C-alpha atoms as a PDB file:
ATOM      1  CA  VAL A   1     -20.366  58.569   4.270  1.00  0.00           C
ATOM      2  CA  GLY A   2     -18.560  61.213   2.244  1.00  0.00           C
ATOM      3  CA  ARG A   3     -19.186  59.154  -0.761  1.00  0.00           C
ATOM      4  CA  VAL A   4     -22.836  59.104  -0.112  1.00  0.00           C
ATOM      5  CA  VAL A   5     -23.318  62.871   0.521  1.00  0.00           C
ATOM      6  CA  ARG A   6     -20.846  63.348  -2.638  1.00  0.00           C
ATOM      7  CA  HIS A   7     -22.944  61.303  -4.421  1.00  0.00           C
ATOM      8  CA  MET A   8     -26.734  63.132  -3.342  1.00  0.00           C
ATOM      9  CA  CYS A   9     -24.616  66.256  -4.434  1.00  0.00           C
ATOM     10  CA  GLU A  10     -23.842  64.881  -8.259  1.00  0.00           C
ATOM     11  CA  LEU A  11     -27.329  63.998  -8.324  1.00  0.00           C
ATOM     12  CA  LEU A  12     -28.660  67.378  -7.601  1.00  0.00           C
ATOM     13  CA  GLU A  13     -25.875  69.101  -9.816  1.00  0.00           C
ATOM     14  CA  GLN A  14     -26.467  67.037 -12.933  1.00  0.00           C
ATOM     15  CA  LEU A  15     -29.974  65.557 -13.000  1.00  0.00           C
ATOM     16  CA  VAL A  16     -31.954  68.166 -11.138  1.00  0.00           C
ATOM     17  CA  GLY A  17     -29.675  71.112 -12.319  1.00  0.00           C
ATOM     18  CA  ALA A  18     -29.250  72.675  -8.922  1.00  0.00           C
ATOM     19  CA  GLN A  19     -26.033  75.086  -8.734  1.00  0.00           C
ATOM     20  CA  SER A  20     -25.864  75.994  -5.502  1.00  0.00           C
ATOM     21  CA  PHE A  21     -27.513  74.040  -2.385  1.00  0.00           C
ATOM     22  CA  VAL A  22     -26.889  72.629   0.998  1.00  0.00           C
ATOM     23  CA  ILE A  23     -27.192  69.257   2.622  1.00  0.00           C
ATOM     24  CA  TYR A  24     -27.978  69.658   6.419  1.00  0.00           C
ATOM     25  CA  LEU A  25     -28.388  67.003   9.152  1.00  0.00           C
ATOM     26  CA  VAL A  26     -30.842  67.696  11.886  1.00  0.00           C
ATOM     27  CA  SER A  27     -29.872  67.387  15.605  1.00  0.00           C
ATOM     28  CA  ALA A  28     -32.216  64.920  18.099  1.00  0.00           C
ATOM     29  CA  ASP A  29     -34.230  67.617  19.384  1.00  0.00           C
ATOM     30  CA  GLY A  30     -35.200  69.224  15.652  1.00  0.00           C
ATOM     31  CA  GLY A  31     -33.917  72.378  16.331  1.00  0.00           C
ATOM     32  CA  ARG A  32     -30.518  72.582  14.676  1.00  0.00           C
ATOM     33  CA  ALA A  33     -28.936  71.299  11.297  1.00  0.00           C
ATOM     34  CA  THR A  34     -25.567  70.984  10.491  1.00  0.00           C
ATOM     35  CA  PRO A  35     -24.055  71.151   7.299  1.00  0.00           C
ATOM     36  CA  VAL A  36     -22.750  68.650   6.119  1.00  0.00           C
ATOM     37  CA  GLY A  37     -22.179  68.960   2.176  1.00  0.00           C
ATOM     38  CA  ALA A  38     -22.905  72.276  -0.313  1.00  0.00           C
ATOM     39  CA  ARG A  39     -21.879  73.095  -3.669  1.00  0.00           C
ATOM     40  CA  GLY A  40     -21.771  76.425  -5.123  1.00  0.00           C
ATOM     41  CA  MET A  41     -22.086  78.271  -2.156  1.00  0.00           C
ATOM     42  CA  GLN A  42     -20.549  78.631   1.598  1.00  0.00           C
ATOM     43  CA  PRO A  43     -22.429  76.744   4.018  1.00  0.00           C
ATOM     44  CA  PRO A  44     -23.359  78.083   7.252  1.00  0.00           C
ATOM     45  CA  THR A  45     -19.905  77.479   9.604  1.00  0.00           C
ATOM     46  CA  GLY A  46     -21.611  75.562  12.721  1.00  0.00           C
ATOM     47  CA  SER A  47     -24.954  74.173  13.242  1.00  0.00           C
ATOM     48  CA  VAL A  48     -27.932  76.901  12.771  1.00  0.00           C
ATOM     49  CA  VAL A  49     -31.131  77.178  14.301  1.00  0.00           C
ATOM     50  CA  VAL A  50     -33.862  76.149  12.362  1.00  0.00           C
ATOM     51  CA  GLU A  51     -36.903  76.654  14.070  1.00  0.00           C
ATOM     52  CA  GLU A  52     -37.749  79.769  13.034  1.00  0.00           C
ATOM     53  CA  ASN A  53     -37.509  79.670   9.062  1.00  0.00           C
ATOM     54  CA  VAL A  54     -38.255  77.397   6.181  1.00  0.00           C
ATOM     55  CA  LEU A  55     -36.007  74.712   6.956  1.00  0.00           C
ATOM     56  CA  GLY A  56     -37.932  74.524  10.587  1.00  0.00           C
ATOM     57  CA  ASP A  57     -40.889  74.304   8.649  1.00  0.00           C
ATOM     58  CA  VAL A  58     -39.932  71.320   6.835  1.00  0.00           C
ATOM     59  CA  CYS A  59     -38.521  69.447   9.721  1.00  0.00           C
ATOM     60  CA  LEU A  60     -41.839  69.831  11.438  1.00  0.00           C
ATOM     61  CA  THR A  61     -43.739  68.470   8.950  1.00  0.00           C
ATOM     62  CA  GLY A  62     -41.787  66.446   6.692  1.00  0.00           C
ATOM     63  CA  VAL A  63     -43.479  67.903   3.840  1.00  0.00           C
ATOM     64  CA  ALA A  64     -40.983  69.245   1.068  1.00  0.00           C
ATOM     65  CA  ARG A  65     -41.478  72.739   0.072  1.00  0.00           C
ATOM     66  CA  VAL A  66     -40.883  73.763  -3.626  1.00  0.00           C
ATOM     67  CA  LEU A  67     -41.301  77.190  -5.638  1.00  0.00           C
ATOM     68  CA  GLU A  68     -40.979  78.117  -9.140  1.00  0.00           C
ATOM     69  CA  PRO A  69     -37.930  79.500  -9.888  1.00  0.00           C
ATOM     70  CA  ASP A  70     -39.465  82.764 -11.122  1.00  0.00           C
ATOM     71  CA  VAL A  71     -41.383  83.309  -7.590  1.00  0.00           C
ATOM     72  CA  PRO A  72     -40.339  86.008  -5.908  1.00  0.00           C
ATOM     73  CA  ARG A  73     -38.147  85.337  -2.562  1.00  0.00           C
ATOM     74  CA  LYS A  74     -36.835  86.712   0.456  1.00  0.00           C
ATOM     75  CA  PRO A  75     -33.154  87.528   0.405  1.00  0.00           C
ATOM     76  CA  ASN A  76     -31.361  83.802   0.849  1.00  0.00           C
ATOM     77  CA  GLU A  77     -34.628  82.369   1.055  1.00  0.00           C
ATOM     78  CA  PRO A  78     -34.076  78.568  -0.905  1.00  0.00           C
ATOM     79  CA  ILE A  79     -36.233  77.829  -3.966  1.00  0.00           C
ATOM     80  CA  ALA A  80     -36.819  74.084  -2.412  1.00  0.00           C
ATOM     81  CA  VAL A  81     -35.991  72.632   0.527  1.00  0.00           C
ATOM     82  CA  LEU A  82     -36.520  68.767   0.663  1.00  0.00           C
ATOM     83  CA  PRO A  83     -36.567  66.558   3.979  1.00  0.00           C
ATOM     84  CA  LEU A  84     -34.705  63.298   4.284  1.00  0.00           C
ATOM     85  CA  ILE A  85     -36.932  60.952   5.994  1.00  0.00           C
ATOM     86  CA  PHE A  86     -36.247  57.801   7.968  1.00  0.00           C
ATOM     87  CA  ASP A  87     -38.810  56.092   9.838  1.00  0.00           C
ATOM     88  CA  ALA A  88     -41.366  58.681   9.637  1.00  0.00           C
ATOM     89  CA  GLU A  89     -38.968  60.957  11.167  1.00  0.00           C
ATOM     90  CA  VAL A  90     -37.037  64.050   9.629  1.00  0.00           C
ATOM     91  CA  VAL A  91     -33.060  63.622  10.304  1.00  0.00           C
ATOM     92  CA  GLY A  92     -31.854  66.170   7.407  1.00  0.00           C
ATOM     93  CA  VAL A  93     -33.047  68.613   4.993  1.00  0.00           C
ATOM     94  CA  ILE A  94     -31.734  70.075   1.839  1.00  0.00           C
ATOM     95  CA  GLY A  95     -31.970  73.516   0.882  1.00  0.00           C
ATOM     96  CA  ILE A  96     -31.435  74.459  -2.810  1.00  0.00           C
ATOM     97  CA  TYR A  97     -31.053  78.325  -3.510  1.00  0.00           C
ATOM     98  CA  HIS A  98     -30.138  78.603  -7.224  1.00  0.00           C
ATOM     99  CA  LEU A  99     -30.554  76.554 -10.239  1.00  0.00           C
ATOM    100  CA  LEU A 100     -28.282  76.575 -13.189  1.00  0.00           C
ATOM    101  CA  PRO A 101     -29.189  79.491 -15.806  1.00  0.00           C
ATOM    102  CA  HIS A 102     -31.001  77.434 -18.417  1.00  0.00           C
ATOM    103  CA  LYS A 103     -33.098  75.409 -15.602  1.00  0.00           C
ATOM    104  CA  ARG A 104     -36.266  77.955 -15.869  1.00  0.00           C
ATOM    105  CA  SER A 105     -39.115  75.648 -14.350  1.00  0.00           C
ATOM    106  CA  TRP A 106     -39.324  72.049 -12.371  1.00  0.00           C
ATOM    107  CA  ALA A 107     -40.078  68.923 -14.334  1.00  0.00           C
ATOM    108  CA  ASN A 108     -42.031  66.304 -13.422  1.00  0.00           C
ATOM    109  CA  VAL A 109     -38.839  64.138 -13.128  1.00  0.00           C
ATOM    110  CA  ASP A 110     -37.546  66.363 -10.949  1.00  0.00           C
ATOM    111  CA  ARG A 111     -40.298  66.113  -8.203  1.00  0.00           C
ATOM    112  CA  GLU A 112     -39.754  62.575  -8.728  1.00  0.00           C
ATOM    113  CA  LEU A 113     -36.034  62.624  -7.958  1.00  0.00           C
ATOM    114  CA  PHE A 114     -37.151  64.980  -4.568  1.00  0.00           C
ATOM    115  CA  LYS A 115     -39.337  61.824  -3.655  1.00  0.00           C
ATOM    116  CA  LEU A 116     -36.468  59.502  -4.142  1.00  0.00           C
ATOM    117  CA  LEU A 117     -33.864  61.840  -2.352  1.00  0.00           C
ATOM    118  CA  SER A 118     -36.732  62.505   0.672  1.00  0.00           C
ATOM    119  CA  ALA A 119     -37.055  58.357   0.947  1.00  0.00           C
ATOM    120  CA  HIS A 120     -33.990  57.323   0.303  1.00  0.00           C
ATOM    121  CA  GLY A 121     -31.038  59.914   1.341  1.00  0.00           C
ATOM    122  CA  ALA A 122     -31.476  58.928   4.808  1.00  0.00           C
ATOM    123  CA  THR A 123     -31.572  55.612   4.815  1.00  0.00           C
ATOM    124  CA  ALA A 124     -28.448  55.614   2.325  1.00  0.00           C
ATOM    125  CA  LEU A 125     -26.694  57.955   4.952  1.00  0.00           C
ATOM    126  CA  ILE A 126     -27.380  55.803   7.835  1.00  0.00           C
ATOM    127  CA  ALA A 127     -26.689  52.684   6.544  1.00  0.00           C
ATOM    128  CA  ALA A 128     -22.692  54.290   5.330  1.00  0.00           C
ATOM    129  CA  ASN A 129     -22.364  55.616   8.621  1.00  0.00           C
ATOM    130  CA  LEU A 130     -23.259  52.339  10.560  1.00  0.00           C
ATOM    131  CA  TYR A 131     -20.906  50.736   7.914  1.00  0.00           C
ATOM    132  CA  ALA A 132     -18.084  52.698   8.887  1.00  0.00           C
ATOM    133  CA  LYS A 133     -17.874  51.383  11.946  1.00  0.00           C
ATOM    134  CA  GLU A 134     -17.440  47.582  10.693  1.00  0.00           C
ATOM    135  CA  ALA A 135     -14.568  45.949   9.833  1.00  0.00           C
ATOM    136  CA  GLY A 136     -15.941  44.927   6.484  1.00  0.00           C
ATOM    137  CA  PRO A 137     -19.283  44.229   4.573  1.00  0.00           C
ATOM    138  CA  ARG A 138     -19.428  40.428   6.202  1.00  0.00           C
ATOM    139  CA  ALA A 139     -19.040  41.963   9.732  1.00  0.00           C
ATOM    140  CA  ALA A 140     -21.416  44.794   8.564  1.00  0.00           C
ATOM    141  CA  LEU A 141     -24.475  41.788   7.941  1.00  0.00           C
ATOM    142  CA  HIS A 142     -23.694  39.782  10.808  1.00  0.00           C
ATOM    143  CA  ASP A 143     -27.057  40.501  12.622  1.00  0.00           C
ATOM    144  CA  VAL A 144     -28.720  40.775   9.619  1.00  0.00           C
ATOM    145  CA  LEU A 145     -30.757  37.370  10.531  1.00  0.00           C
ATOM    146  CA  PHE A 146     -31.190  37.974  13.760  1.00  0.00           C
ATOM    147  CA  HIS A 147     -33.216  41.551  12.834  1.00  0.00           C
ATOM    148  CA  LEU A 148     -35.182  39.941  10.253  1.00  0.00           C
ATOM    149  CA  GLU A 149     -36.043  37.089  12.658  1.00  0.00           C
ATOM    150  CA  ASN A 150     -37.232  40.232  15.274  1.00  0.00           C
ATOM    151  CA  GLU A 151     -39.389  41.623  12.447  1.00  0.00           C
ATOM    152  CA  ARG A 152     -40.924  38.190  11.299  1.00  0.00           C
ATOM    153  CA  LEU A 153     -41.967  37.439  14.958  1.00  0.00           C
ATOM    154  CA  ARG A 154     -43.352  41.210  15.365  1.00  0.00           C
ATOM    155  CA  GLN A 155     -45.063  40.933  11.898  1.00  0.00           C
ATOM    156  CA  LEU A 156     -46.882  37.400  13.459  1.00  0.00           C
ATOM    157  CA  THR A 157     -47.694  38.714  16.531  1.00  0.00           C
ATOM    158  CA  GLU A 158     -49.453  41.604  14.861  1.00  0.00           C
ATOM    159  CA  ALA A 159     -51.412  39.741  12.384  1.00  0.00           C
ATOM    160  CA  GLU A 160     -52.381  37.124  14.869  1.00  0.00           C
ATOM    161  CA  ALA A 161     -53.942  40.044  17.247  1.00  0.00           C
ATOM    162  CA  GLU A 162     -55.900  41.543  14.376  1.00  0.00           C
ATOM    163  CA  SER A 163     -57.005  38.090  13.045  1.00  0.00           C
ATOM    164  CA  GLY A 164     -57.964  36.803  16.661  1.00  0.00           C
ATOM    165  CA  GLY A 165     -57.007  33.461  16.019  1.00  0.00           C
ATOM    166  CA  ASP A 166     -54.807  31.258  13.500  1.00  0.00           C
ATOM    167  CA  VAL A 167     -52.316  32.828  11.452  1.00  0.00           C
ATOM    168  CA  PRO A 168     -50.612  30.915   8.407  1.00  0.00           C
ATOM    169  CA  ALA A 169     -47.209  31.223   8.690  1.00  0.00           C
ATOM    170  CA  LEU A 170     -44.965  33.435   7.139  1.00  0.00           C
ATOM    171  CA  ASP A 171     -42.469  32.648   4.123  1.00  0.00           C
ATOM    172  CA  VAL A 172     -39.451  33.412   6.180  1.00  0.00           C
ATOM    173  CA  GLN A 173     -37.408  32.753   3.207  1.00  0.00           C
ATOM    174  CA  GLY A 174     -39.607  34.864   1.169  1.00  0.00           C
ATOM    175  CA  LEU A 175     -39.651  37.686   3.777  1.00  0.00           C
ATOM    176  CA  THR A 176     -35.437  37.391   3.920  1.00  0.00           C
ATOM    177  CA  ALA A 177     -35.085  37.973   0.193  1.00  0.00           C
ATOM    178  CA  GLY A 178     -37.845  40.763   0.028  1.00  0.00           C
ATOM    179  CA  TYR A 179     -35.976  42.882   2.641  1.00  0.00           C
ATOM    180  CA  GLY A 180     -32.377  42.211   1.361  1.00  0.00           C
ATOM    181  CA  ALA A 181     -33.917  43.212  -2.276  1.00  0.00           C
ATOM    182  CA  LEU A 182     -35.027  46.320  -0.245  1.00  0.00           C
ATOM    183  CA  ALA A 183     -32.035  47.121   1.507  1.00  0.00           C
ATOM    184  CA  VAL A 184     -30.265  46.740  -1.786  1.00  0.00           C
ATOM    185  CA  ILE A 185     -32.689  48.972  -3.052  1.00  0.00           C
ATOM    186  CA  HIS A 186     -32.085  51.826  -0.369  1.00  0.00           C
ATOM    187  CA  VAL A 187     -28.188  51.537  -0.481  1.00  0.00           C
ATOM    188  CA  VAL A 188     -27.663  51.156  -4.325  1.00  0.00           C
ATOM    189  CA  SER A 189     -29.930  54.346  -4.872  1.00  0.00           C
ATOM    190  CA  LEU A 190     -27.065  56.795  -3.468  1.00  0.00           C
ATOM    191  CA  SER A 191     -24.018  54.626  -3.254  1.00  0.00           C
ATOM    192  CA  VAL A 192     -23.356  54.750  -7.178  1.00  0.00           C
ATOM    193  CA  ALA A 193     -22.824  58.411  -9.337  1.00  0.00           C
ATOM    194  CA  PRO A 194     -25.823  59.723 -10.722  1.00  0.00           C
ATOM    195  CA  SER A 195     -23.466  59.491 -14.134  1.00  0.00           C
ATOM    196  CA  GLU A 196     -24.115  55.243 -13.799  1.00  0.00           C
ATOM    197  CA  ILE A 197     -27.642  56.201 -13.806  1.00  0.00           C
ATOM    198  CA  VAL A 198     -29.425  55.964 -17.479  1.00  0.00           C
ATOM    199  CA  GLY A 199     -32.283  57.114 -19.224  1.00  0.00           C
ATOM    200  CA  ARG A 200     -32.291  60.793 -17.940  1.00  0.00           C
ATOM    201  CA  LYS A 201     -30.280  63.919 -19.834  1.00  0.00           C
ATOM    202  CA  TYR A 202     -27.537  65.398 -17.142  1.00  0.00           C
ATOM    203  CA  TYR A 203     -27.121  68.370 -16.349  1.00  0.00           C
ATOM    204  CA  ARG A 204     -23.408  69.311 -16.132  1.00  0.00           C
ATOM    205  CA  PRO A 205     -22.419  73.038 -14.775  1.00  0.00           C
ATOM    206  CA  THR A 206     -19.136  72.838 -16.737  1.00  0.00           C
ATOM    207  CA  ASP A 207     -20.986  72.679 -20.100  1.00  0.00           C
ATOM    208  CA  HIS A 208     -22.796  76.230 -18.882  1.00  0.00           C
ATOM    209  CA  GLY A 209     -20.349  77.977 -17.196  1.00  0.00           C
END
């Protein structure tokens, strides 16, 4: 889990150009958020109430709030708040408070990276947390086929109910391969360091003081 958090921090620093930010996990009732990672600032001690601030708005709506860096803000108000979403539920948020000095505006690629973090960050954290409880990679995958078969049967039942008649048999082998590919994309997207991602000019805080 720590490695995934660390790579998320590196992605925000090196690829987005964020100087100070906090990564929070949201409580089951959605009322509090606990910091699990931060750079460039001291995160709050313990959990914080999110219901009456912008963090709470993003937790409630699941919609990112991104301001332009030069827009006037209240003290300690984040420039951007990104939801971490899994299965249509916000399980965490990222608050970005300051950018590197040379970073004066958002680029289109930044917004694409925000979408990547929102869509895959929670999945990577959940997968890492579950994996930490297992005895190794093979043990962590021991019930994959069981879940795939349940998903296949669910889809088959739904398709039959919608059509009201016969439904062609699903390609189980293709379905299994497809889910396997999705799982790899979800986990690999944040289980490798950003420096291993090609095709993007990196922001390196050490190069800019």
